[in-house]
Protein backbone atom coordinates (compact mmCIF):
# COMPACT_ATOMS: atom_id res chain seq x y z
CA UNK A 1 -20.07 -25.92 -3.94
CA UNK A 2 -17.61 -25.34 -6.78
CA UNK A 3 -16.83 -21.89 -8.12
CA UNK A 4 -18.99 -20.99 -11.11
CA UNK A 5 -15.97 -19.76 -13.06
CA UNK A 6 -12.33 -18.78 -12.73
CA UNK A 7 -13.48 -15.19 -12.32
CA UNK A 8 -15.49 -16.15 -9.23
CA UNK A 9 -12.53 -18.11 -7.88
CA UNK A 10 -10.23 -15.15 -8.37
CA UNK A 11 -12.80 -12.89 -6.73
CA UNK A 12 -12.69 -15.19 -3.68
CA UNK A 13 -8.88 -15.04 -3.75
CA UNK A 14 -8.91 -11.25 -3.98
CA UNK A 15 -11.15 -11.09 -0.93
CA UNK A 16 -8.18 -12.04 1.27
CA UNK A 17 -5.64 -9.67 2.80
CA UNK A 18 -3.15 -8.68 0.10
CA UNK A 19 0.19 -7.48 1.44
CA UNK A 20 1.31 -6.76 -2.12
CA UNK A 21 -1.33 -4.03 -2.31
CA UNK A 22 -1.23 -2.89 1.33
CA UNK A 23 2.38 -2.90 2.52
CA UNK A 24 3.06 -4.74 5.78
CA UNK A 25 5.17 -3.28 8.54
CA UNK A 26 7.57 -5.11 10.80
CA UNK A 27 4.79 -5.71 13.34
CA UNK A 28 2.12 -6.77 10.85
CA UNK A 29 4.22 -9.31 8.95
CA UNK A 30 2.48 -12.68 9.10
CA UNK A 31 4.11 -15.69 10.74
CA UNK A 32 4.58 -18.99 8.94
CA UNK A 33 2.15 -20.88 11.21
CA UNK A 34 -0.77 -20.48 8.82
CA UNK A 35 1.28 -21.77 5.91
CA UNK A 36 2.42 -24.81 7.82
CA UNK A 37 -1.11 -25.55 9.02
CA UNK A 38 -2.60 -25.34 5.52
CA UNK A 39 0.15 -27.42 3.95
CA UNK A 40 -0.21 -30.09 6.65
CA UNK A 41 -3.92 -30.39 5.85
CA UNK A 42 -2.97 -30.99 2.21
CA UNK A 43 -0.35 -33.62 3.00
CA UNK A 44 2.69 -31.30 2.91
CA UNK A 45 3.02 -31.25 -0.89
CA UNK A 46 6.18 -29.12 -0.69
CA UNK A 47 8.08 -32.18 0.57
CA UNK A 48 7.29 -34.22 -2.56
CA UNK A 49 10.12 -32.68 -4.59
CA UNK A 50 13.44 -30.91 -4.15
CA UNK A 51 13.60 -27.15 -4.44
CA UNK A 52 15.80 -24.14 -5.15
CA UNK A 53 14.94 -20.99 -3.20
CA UNK A 54 15.77 -17.58 -4.70
CA UNK A 55 15.86 -14.23 -2.91
CA UNK A 56 17.63 -10.91 -3.45
CA UNK A 57 16.98 -7.20 -3.74
CA UNK A 58 17.34 -7.21 -7.54
CA UNK A 59 17.84 -9.92 -10.12
CA UNK A 60 15.77 -12.67 -8.55
CA UNK A 61 13.19 -12.71 -11.35
CA UNK A 62 15.81 -12.99 -14.11
CA UNK A 63 17.81 -15.52 -12.12
CA UNK A 64 14.72 -17.64 -11.48
CA UNK A 65 13.93 -17.63 -15.20
CA UNK A 66 17.50 -18.67 -16.06
CA UNK A 67 17.61 -21.42 -13.43
CA UNK A 68 14.30 -22.78 -14.72
CA UNK A 69 15.48 -22.74 -18.34
CA UNK A 70 18.74 -24.50 -17.45
CA UNK A 71 16.96 -27.23 -15.48
CA UNK A 72 14.35 -27.80 -18.21
CA UNK A 73 17.07 -28.02 -20.84
CA UNK A 74 18.84 -30.54 -18.56
CA UNK A 75 15.81 -32.81 -18.92
CA UNK A 76 14.05 -32.18 -15.61
CA UNK A 77 10.40 -31.45 -14.92
CA UNK A 78 10.46 -27.99 -13.33
CA UNK A 79 7.92 -25.96 -11.41
CA UNK A 80 8.52 -22.25 -10.88
CA UNK A 81 6.80 -19.79 -8.57
CA UNK A 82 7.31 -16.07 -9.14
CA UNK A 83 5.75 -12.75 -8.23
CA UNK A 84 4.26 -10.36 -8.98
CA UNK A 85 2.56 -11.13 -12.27
CA UNK A 86 2.42 -8.62 -15.10
CA UNK A 87 -0.97 -9.45 -16.61
CA UNK A 88 -2.51 -12.67 -15.27
CA UNK A 89 -2.11 -14.44 -11.94
CA UNK A 90 -1.51 -17.70 -13.86
CA UNK A 91 1.98 -16.40 -14.66
CA UNK A 92 3.09 -16.96 -11.08
CA UNK A 93 2.68 -20.74 -11.14
CA UNK A 94 4.42 -22.39 -14.08
CA UNK A 95 5.45 -25.87 -15.17
CA UNK A 96 8.44 -26.03 -17.52
CA UNK A 97 8.07 -22.25 -17.95
CA UNK A 98 4.43 -22.50 -19.14
CA UNK A 99 1.88 -20.71 -16.92
CA UNK A 100 -0.76 -22.82 -15.23
CA UNK A 101 -3.95 -23.21 -17.30
CA UNK A 102 -7.24 -21.74 -16.12
CA UNK A 103 -8.88 -25.08 -15.28
CA UNK A 104 -5.98 -26.24 -13.12
CA UNK A 105 -5.84 -22.90 -11.32
CA UNK A 106 -9.58 -23.02 -10.66
CA UNK A 107 -9.24 -26.56 -9.25
CA UNK A 108 -6.51 -25.41 -6.88
CA UNK A 109 -8.62 -22.48 -5.66
CA UNK A 110 -11.56 -24.79 -5.01
CA UNK A 111 -9.38 -27.12 -2.95
CA UNK A 112 -8.04 -24.19 -0.96
CA UNK A 113 -11.54 -22.90 -0.25
CA UNK A 114 -12.51 -26.35 1.03
CA UNK A 115 -9.77 -26.40 3.68
CA UNK A 116 -10.13 -22.75 4.71
CA UNK A 117 -12.83 -23.44 7.38
CA UNK A 118 -10.38 -25.87 9.03
CA UNK A 119 -7.68 -23.21 9.47
CA UNK A 120 -7.12 -21.27 12.66
CA UNK A 121 -7.09 -18.05 10.59
CA UNK A 122 -7.68 -17.26 6.91
CA UNK A 123 -4.52 -17.10 4.84
CA UNK A 124 -3.44 -13.98 2.98
CA UNK A 125 -3.73 -13.80 -0.80
CA UNK A 126 -0.01 -14.42 -1.26
CA UNK A 127 -0.07 -17.34 1.17
CA UNK A 128 -2.94 -18.93 -0.75
CA UNK A 129 -1.08 -18.58 -4.03
CA UNK A 130 2.05 -20.05 -2.47
CA UNK A 131 0.14 -23.07 -1.16
CA UNK A 132 -1.49 -23.42 -4.57
CA UNK A 133 1.92 -23.46 -6.25
CA UNK A 134 3.32 -26.11 -3.92
CA UNK A 135 0.19 -28.21 -4.40
CA UNK A 136 0.31 -27.89 -8.19
CA UNK A 137 3.96 -28.92 -8.32
CA UNK A 138 3.11 -32.08 -6.38
CA UNK A 139 0.11 -32.76 -8.65
CA UNK A 140 2.24 -32.69 -11.80
CA UNK A 141 5.13 -34.48 -10.07
CA UNK A 142 7.93 -32.02 -10.78
CA UNK A 143 11.51 -33.04 -10.18
CA UNK A 144 12.36 -29.63 -8.76
CA UNK A 145 10.61 -26.39 -7.84
CA UNK A 146 12.33 -23.04 -8.33
CA UNK A 147 10.72 -20.77 -5.75
CA UNK A 148 11.16 -17.00 -5.80
CA UNK A 149 10.71 -15.20 -2.49
CA UNK A 150 8.00 -12.56 -2.41
CA UNK A 151 9.56 -10.26 0.20
CA UNK A 152 12.68 -10.71 2.29
CA UNK A 153 13.28 -14.28 3.32
CA UNK A 154 12.87 -15.27 6.96
CA UNK A 155 9.16 -14.48 7.21
CA UNK A 156 8.24 -14.82 3.56
CA UNK A 157 5.40 -17.24 2.92
CA UNK A 158 7.66 -19.37 0.74
CA UNK A 159 10.03 -20.08 3.62
CA UNK A 160 8.40 -23.36 4.57
CA UNK A 161 10.57 -25.34 2.18
CA UNK A 162 13.93 -26.88 2.99
CA UNK A 163 15.63 -26.02 -0.27
CA UNK A 164 18.64 -27.94 -1.50
CA UNK A 165 20.05 -24.69 -2.89
CA UNK A 166 19.50 -21.20 -1.51
CA UNK A 167 20.28 -18.32 -3.88
CA UNK A 168 20.85 -14.72 -2.78
CA UNK A 169 21.24 -12.67 -5.96
CA UNK A 170 22.03 -9.25 -4.48
CA UNK A 171 21.51 -7.15 -1.37
CA UNK A 172 20.50 -3.49 -1.49
CA UNK A 173 18.32 -0.98 0.32
CA UNK A 174 14.70 -1.81 -0.43
CA UNK A 175 11.60 -2.45 1.68
CA UNK A 176 13.49 -0.90 4.59
CA UNK A 177 10.25 -0.38 6.53
CA UNK A 178 9.99 -4.18 6.75
CA UNK A 179 13.45 -5.67 6.34
CA UNK A 180 15.80 -3.25 8.06
CA UNK A 181 17.59 0.04 7.54
CA UNK A 182 20.98 -1.27 6.42
CA UNK A 183 22.24 -3.81 3.90
CA UNK A 184 23.53 -5.95 6.77
CA UNK A 185 20.09 -6.05 8.41
CA UNK A 186 18.44 -6.83 5.09
CA UNK A 187 20.98 -9.58 4.43
CA UNK A 188 20.19 -11.17 7.80
CA UNK A 189 16.50 -11.31 6.86
CA UNK A 190 17.11 -12.71 3.39
CA UNK A 191 19.62 -15.26 4.69
CA UNK A 192 16.74 -16.78 6.63
CA UNK A 193 15.96 -18.96 3.60
CA UNK A 194 19.18 -20.94 4.16
CA UNK A 195 18.20 -24.39 5.42
CA UNK A 196 20.39 -27.04 7.04
CA UNK A 197 22.32 -28.95 4.40
CA UNK A 198 21.70 -26.37 1.66
CA UNK A 199 24.35 -25.14 -0.72
CA UNK A 200 24.25 -21.34 -0.74
CA UNK A 201 24.89 -19.44 -3.96
CA UNK A 202 25.67 -15.78 -3.30
CA UNK A 203 25.73 -13.08 -5.93
CA UNK A 204 27.95 -9.96 -6.00
CA UNK A 205 27.67 -8.37 -2.54
CA UNK A 206 29.81 -6.35 -0.16
CA UNK A 207 32.11 -8.20 2.23
CA UNK A 208 30.10 -7.29 5.34
CA UNK A 209 26.99 -8.74 3.71
CA UNK A 210 28.89 -11.90 2.78
CA UNK A 211 29.96 -12.23 6.42
CA UNK A 212 26.31 -12.21 7.51
CA UNK A 213 25.51 -14.97 5.03
CA UNK A 214 28.56 -16.96 6.08
CA UNK A 215 27.52 -16.79 9.74
CA UNK A 216 24.04 -18.03 8.85
CA UNK A 217 25.59 -20.93 6.93
CA UNK A 218 27.62 -21.92 9.98
CA UNK A 219 24.66 -21.53 12.34
CA UNK A 220 22.32 -23.85 10.43
CA UNK A 221 24.89 -26.27 9.03
CA UNK A 222 24.75 -25.37 5.34
CA UNK A 223 26.62 -27.68 2.96
CA UNK A 224 28.69 -24.89 1.47
CA UNK A 225 28.85 -21.29 0.28
CA UNK A 226 29.59 -20.42 -3.34
CA UNK A 227 30.32 -16.74 -3.77
CA UNK A 228 30.29 -14.73 -6.98
CA UNK A 229 33.81 -13.66 -7.83
CA UNK A 230 35.32 -16.71 -6.16
CA UNK A 231 33.57 -19.98 -7.00
CA UNK A 232 31.69 -18.53 -9.99
CA UNK A 233 31.98 -15.52 -12.24
CA UNK A 234 31.08 -13.89 -15.50
CA UNK A 235 34.58 -13.43 -16.88
CA UNK A 236 33.55 -11.61 -20.05
CA UNK A 237 30.36 -9.68 -20.81
CA UNK A 238 30.03 -8.03 -24.22
CA UNK A 239 27.25 -6.16 -25.92
CA UNK A 240 25.66 -8.26 -28.68
CA UNK A 241 22.79 -7.86 -31.09
CA UNK A 242 19.68 -8.38 -29.00
CA UNK A 243 21.46 -8.96 -25.71
CA UNK A 244 24.79 -9.97 -24.19
CA UNK A 245 27.56 -12.41 -25.11
CA UNK A 246 29.11 -13.83 -21.95
CA UNK A 247 31.74 -16.23 -20.65
CA UNK A 248 30.74 -18.03 -17.46
CA UNK A 249 32.65 -20.13 -14.96
CA UNK A 250 31.28 -22.22 -12.07
CA UNK A 251 32.61 -25.14 -10.04
CA UNK A 252 33.10 -28.03 -12.43
CA UNK A 253 33.06 -26.18 -15.72
CA UNK A 254 32.92 -23.08 -17.86
CA UNK A 255 31.08 -21.86 -20.94
CA UNK A 256 32.27 -19.29 -23.47
CA UNK A 257 30.44 -17.08 -25.96
CA UNK A 258 26.96 -17.73 -24.60
CA UNK A 259 24.31 -15.42 -26.04
CA UNK A 260 21.71 -14.17 -23.56
CA UNK A 261 18.80 -12.33 -25.25
CA UNK A 262 18.46 -9.94 -22.29
CA UNK A 263 19.74 -6.40 -21.94
CA UNK A 264 22.08 -4.99 -19.30
CA UNK A 265 25.55 -6.07 -18.18
CA UNK A 266 24.08 -7.20 -14.85
CA UNK A 267 22.52 -10.14 -16.72
CA UNK A 268 25.96 -11.70 -17.05
CA UNK A 269 26.23 -11.77 -13.27
CA UNK A 270 22.72 -13.18 -13.00
CA UNK A 271 23.63 -15.87 -15.51
CA UNK A 272 26.71 -16.90 -13.53
CA UNK A 273 24.67 -17.10 -10.33
CA UNK A 274 21.94 -19.10 -12.08
CA UNK A 275 24.46 -21.51 -13.58
CA UNK A 276 26.10 -21.87 -10.18
CA UNK A 277 22.74 -22.69 -8.60
CA UNK A 278 22.06 -25.38 -11.19
CA UNK A 279 25.55 -26.85 -10.83
CA UNK A 280 25.09 -26.96 -7.06
CA UNK A 281 21.71 -28.66 -7.45
CA UNK A 282 22.76 -31.22 -10.07
CA UNK A 283 26.20 -31.88 -8.64
CA UNK A 284 27.82 -31.07 -11.98
CA UNK A 285 28.05 -28.13 -14.37
CA UNK A 286 25.74 -28.38 -17.41
CA UNK A 287 27.45 -28.84 -20.76
CA UNK A 288 28.08 -25.91 -23.12
CA UNK A 289 25.29 -26.94 -25.49
CA UNK A 290 22.78 -27.12 -22.63
CA UNK A 291 23.75 -23.67 -21.40
CA UNK A 292 23.62 -22.18 -24.89
CA UNK A 293 20.18 -23.61 -25.61
CA UNK A 294 18.74 -22.67 -22.23
CA UNK A 295 20.07 -19.15 -21.86
CA UNK A 296 19.60 -18.47 -25.57
CA UNK A 297 15.84 -18.84 -25.19
CA UNK A 298 15.24 -17.22 -21.80
CA UNK A 299 12.74 -14.37 -21.61
CA UNK A 300 11.94 -12.07 -18.70
CA UNK A 301 8.99 -9.85 -19.66
CA UNK A 302 8.98 -6.41 -18.08
CA UNK A 303 12.69 -6.38 -17.29
CA UNK A 304 14.61 -4.21 -19.76
CA UNK A 305 12.25 -5.49 -22.42
CA UNK A 306 12.26 -3.85 -25.83
CA UNK A 307 8.74 -3.59 -27.23
CA UNK A 308 9.39 -1.34 -30.24
CA UNK A 309 12.24 0.09 -32.30
CA UNK A 310 10.86 3.24 -33.98
CA UNK A 311 10.56 4.82 -31.53
CA UNK A 312 12.61 2.69 -29.19
CA UNK A 313 10.21 1.51 -26.46
CA UNK A 314 11.67 -0.08 -23.33
CA UNK A 315 9.85 -1.25 -20.19
CA UNK A 316 11.64 -2.13 -16.97
CA UNK A 317 10.39 -2.72 -13.44
CA UNK A 318 13.23 -0.83 -11.72
CA UNK A 319 11.77 0.28 -8.38
CA UNK A 320 14.78 0.99 -6.17
CA UNK A 321 18.01 2.99 -6.55
CA UNK A 322 20.23 0.02 -7.45
CA UNK A 323 17.71 -1.13 -10.04
CA UNK A 324 17.56 2.36 -11.52
CA UNK A 325 21.37 2.49 -11.69
CA UNK A 326 21.43 -0.83 -13.57
CA UNK A 327 18.72 0.42 -15.92
CA UNK A 328 20.60 3.66 -16.61
CA UNK A 329 23.83 1.77 -17.31
CA UNK A 330 22.03 -0.54 -19.72
CA UNK A 331 20.45 2.39 -21.56
CA UNK A 332 23.81 4.10 -21.90
CA UNK A 333 25.66 0.96 -23.04
CA UNK A 334 23.12 -0.63 -25.32
CA UNK A 335 20.65 1.94 -26.63
CA UNK A 336 21.71 4.93 -28.68
CA UNK A 337 18.97 7.28 -29.89
CA UNK A 338 19.08 10.67 -31.57
CA UNK A 339 15.65 11.93 -30.54
CA UNK A 340 14.31 12.97 -27.18
CA UNK A 341 14.15 10.56 -24.27
CA UNK A 342 10.89 10.41 -22.36
CA UNK A 343 10.05 8.34 -19.28
CA UNK A 344 6.63 7.27 -18.02
CA UNK A 345 7.22 6.84 -14.30
CA UNK A 346 4.98 5.62 -11.49
CA UNK A 347 6.00 4.42 -8.06
CA UNK A 348 4.75 2.99 -4.79
CA UNK A 349 4.74 4.84 -1.48
CA UNK A 350 7.92 4.49 0.54
CA UNK A 351 10.18 4.92 -2.50
CA UNK A 352 12.45 7.87 -3.22
CA UNK A 353 11.48 9.21 -6.65
CA UNK A 354 14.56 11.45 -6.86
CA UNK A 355 16.83 8.45 -6.28
CA UNK A 356 15.11 6.59 -9.13
CA UNK A 357 15.15 9.60 -11.46
CA UNK A 358 18.69 10.82 -10.84
CA UNK A 359 20.54 8.09 -12.80
CA UNK A 360 17.94 8.22 -15.59
CA UNK A 361 18.32 11.97 -15.97
CA UNK A 362 22.08 11.49 -16.08
CA UNK A 363 21.72 9.33 -19.22
CA UNK A 364 19.48 11.78 -21.01
CA UNK A 365 15.87 11.40 -19.88
CA UNK A 366 14.57 14.93 -20.51
CA UNK A 367 10.83 14.65 -19.91
CA UNK A 368 8.84 12.63 -17.35
CA UNK A 369 5.18 11.68 -17.65
CA UNK A 370 4.13 10.96 -14.06
CA UNK A 371 1.46 8.35 -13.32
CA UNK A 372 0.07 6.53 -10.28
CA UNK A 373 -0.07 2.72 -10.11
CA UNK A 374 -3.52 1.24 -9.54
CA UNK A 375 -2.99 0.15 -5.94
CA UNK A 376 -3.61 1.60 -2.47
CA UNK A 377 0.18 1.80 -2.12
CA UNK A 378 0.50 4.21 -5.06
CA UNK A 379 2.62 7.32 -4.73
CA UNK A 380 0.75 10.36 -6.02
CA UNK A 381 1.82 11.33 -9.52
CA UNK A 382 2.20 14.90 -8.29
CA UNK A 383 4.87 13.74 -5.84
CA UNK A 384 6.84 12.18 -8.65
CA UNK A 385 6.45 15.36 -10.70
CA UNK A 386 7.82 17.39 -7.79
CA UNK A 387 10.89 15.18 -7.62
CA UNK A 388 11.45 15.57 -11.36
CA UNK A 389 11.10 19.34 -11.12
CA UNK A 390 13.63 19.35 -8.29
CA UNK A 391 16.13 17.74 -10.67
CA UNK A 392 15.41 20.34 -13.34
CA UNK A 393 13.50 17.97 -15.61
CA UNK A 394 10.30 18.88 -17.43
CA UNK A 395 7.42 16.80 -16.10
CA UNK A 396 3.66 16.45 -16.37
CA UNK A 397 0.94 14.36 -14.76
CA UNK A 398 -1.22 11.90 -16.68
CA UNK A 399 -4.56 10.76 -15.31
CA UNK A 400 -3.87 7.07 -15.84
CA UNK A 401 -1.12 4.71 -16.93
CA UNK A 402 -2.78 4.20 -20.32
CA UNK A 403 -3.00 7.96 -20.80
CA UNK A 404 0.63 8.29 -19.74
CA UNK A 405 1.72 5.79 -22.39
CA UNK A 406 -0.24 7.62 -25.08
CA UNK A 407 1.23 10.98 -24.04
CA UNK A 408 4.71 9.47 -23.99
CA UNK A 409 4.34 8.02 -27.48
CA UNK A 410 3.18 11.38 -28.80
CA UNK A 411 6.22 13.11 -27.29
CA UNK A 412 8.85 10.89 -28.90
CA UNK A 413 9.72 10.81 -32.58
CA UNK A 414 10.72 7.69 -34.49
CA UNK A 415 14.31 8.35 -33.43
CA UNK A 416 13.54 8.79 -29.74
CA UNK A 417 13.18 6.63 -26.65
CA UNK A 418 10.12 5.95 -24.53
CA UNK A 419 10.95 4.31 -21.19
CA UNK A 420 8.31 2.96 -18.79
CA UNK A 421 9.58 2.21 -15.30
CA UNK A 422 9.26 2.69 -11.54
CA UNK A 423 7.10 -0.29 -10.61
CA UNK A 424 6.02 -3.60 -12.13
CA UNK A 425 2.44 -2.46 -11.43
CA UNK A 426 3.04 0.36 -13.90
CA UNK A 427 4.98 -1.82 -16.33
CA UNK A 428 2.26 -4.48 -16.44
CA UNK A 429 -0.56 -2.11 -17.42
CA UNK A 430 1.67 -0.06 -19.71
CA UNK A 431 3.00 -3.18 -21.41
CA UNK A 432 -0.51 -4.36 -22.26
CA UNK A 433 -1.35 -0.94 -23.74
CA UNK A 434 1.93 -0.76 -25.66
CA UNK A 435 1.48 -4.22 -27.14
CA UNK A 436 -1.97 -3.17 -28.33
CA UNK A 437 -0.82 0.17 -29.74
CA UNK A 438 2.22 -1.38 -31.42
CA UNK A 439 0.12 -4.14 -32.94
CA UNK A 440 1.67 -7.02 -31.03
CA UNK A 441 0.07 -9.83 -29.07
CA UNK A 442 0.67 -10.02 -25.32
């Protein structure tokens, strides 16, 4: 029997184990057997097209968006799979950067429910969405799928593809309870996406991390390793109105004075990595006009996104120390305000709130409105407030994210800054409220 509506289909989906809401540990991480079994029942749709696999501690969302834009502008039909979503699950499965429509998503969920009784074990929610994405990309006959890893690499549900290009954007300390306690251990897990014959595109990382990736390349017989700073680079990165103006170089070509409508100097590095990935996939570097058109239109909601100017309202999903450092640098370089600077901050358990707050306080955040994300993994707002107090910053607790946004807006004048950060779970709900309160459509 078919689902009565998309809502009933999503209710069925939400009835499955959700490791995004309840964090896995090393021992409870699922294997890939269930994924392979389900995909085999559906005719292994993931083999119907070539793919680019993207992992990394930070930058993978922006890089995935840039790779997708470059491939679409190059004339290809492109599927993209990302996570998490900000507002609607449809955002995760896109064709030529447009989210899947409700009817197509409902059809995929119905097909997945039909095969579920044939499986040895039910899939998790993320596994079901991953299978749905691979199936949808085969249905619409994409030329290439750009697949963002959910967590890690080796045991991520997406790691059933043999990608032509494997991208590792960055390596930092995050999800240590699952991936390892050091950057080298985390790199070994993420390098698990490298398949035999793949070209590996590696972002700016430490030498010991690069050595781990290089050893993985040798072990599986990768086609080559392109490293940021050697084979590709952002040779110039300047502040521009509405974003960055960058010069990029990759094997086979270079592009100068490319405007990227994204904030933060790290986006120049992401752009170089994305362009390198596309050059590796195509076998040639896209022309200047292709790069300008593609990167000039790229959007990454919830990542250093400006939603208002008076007061300045910025939302960013920084959830680890390196992300917070990049956010703080971007605020200092690109956003000058005369009024007070207020942050609405909510985090997940397992994070270090002081490590997130410290760089933000250093660039002038003087008041923190502490909230709790709506998830079982939420860190108590009182814990965040304690960390803020320990850094000598005034803080208060709001009863909900919506309330936190309203309090934050009341605290800042037209010449101030309201920042929402700490988790994409917080950013998603806050963004919807801010768009409503600022009179913009989502």
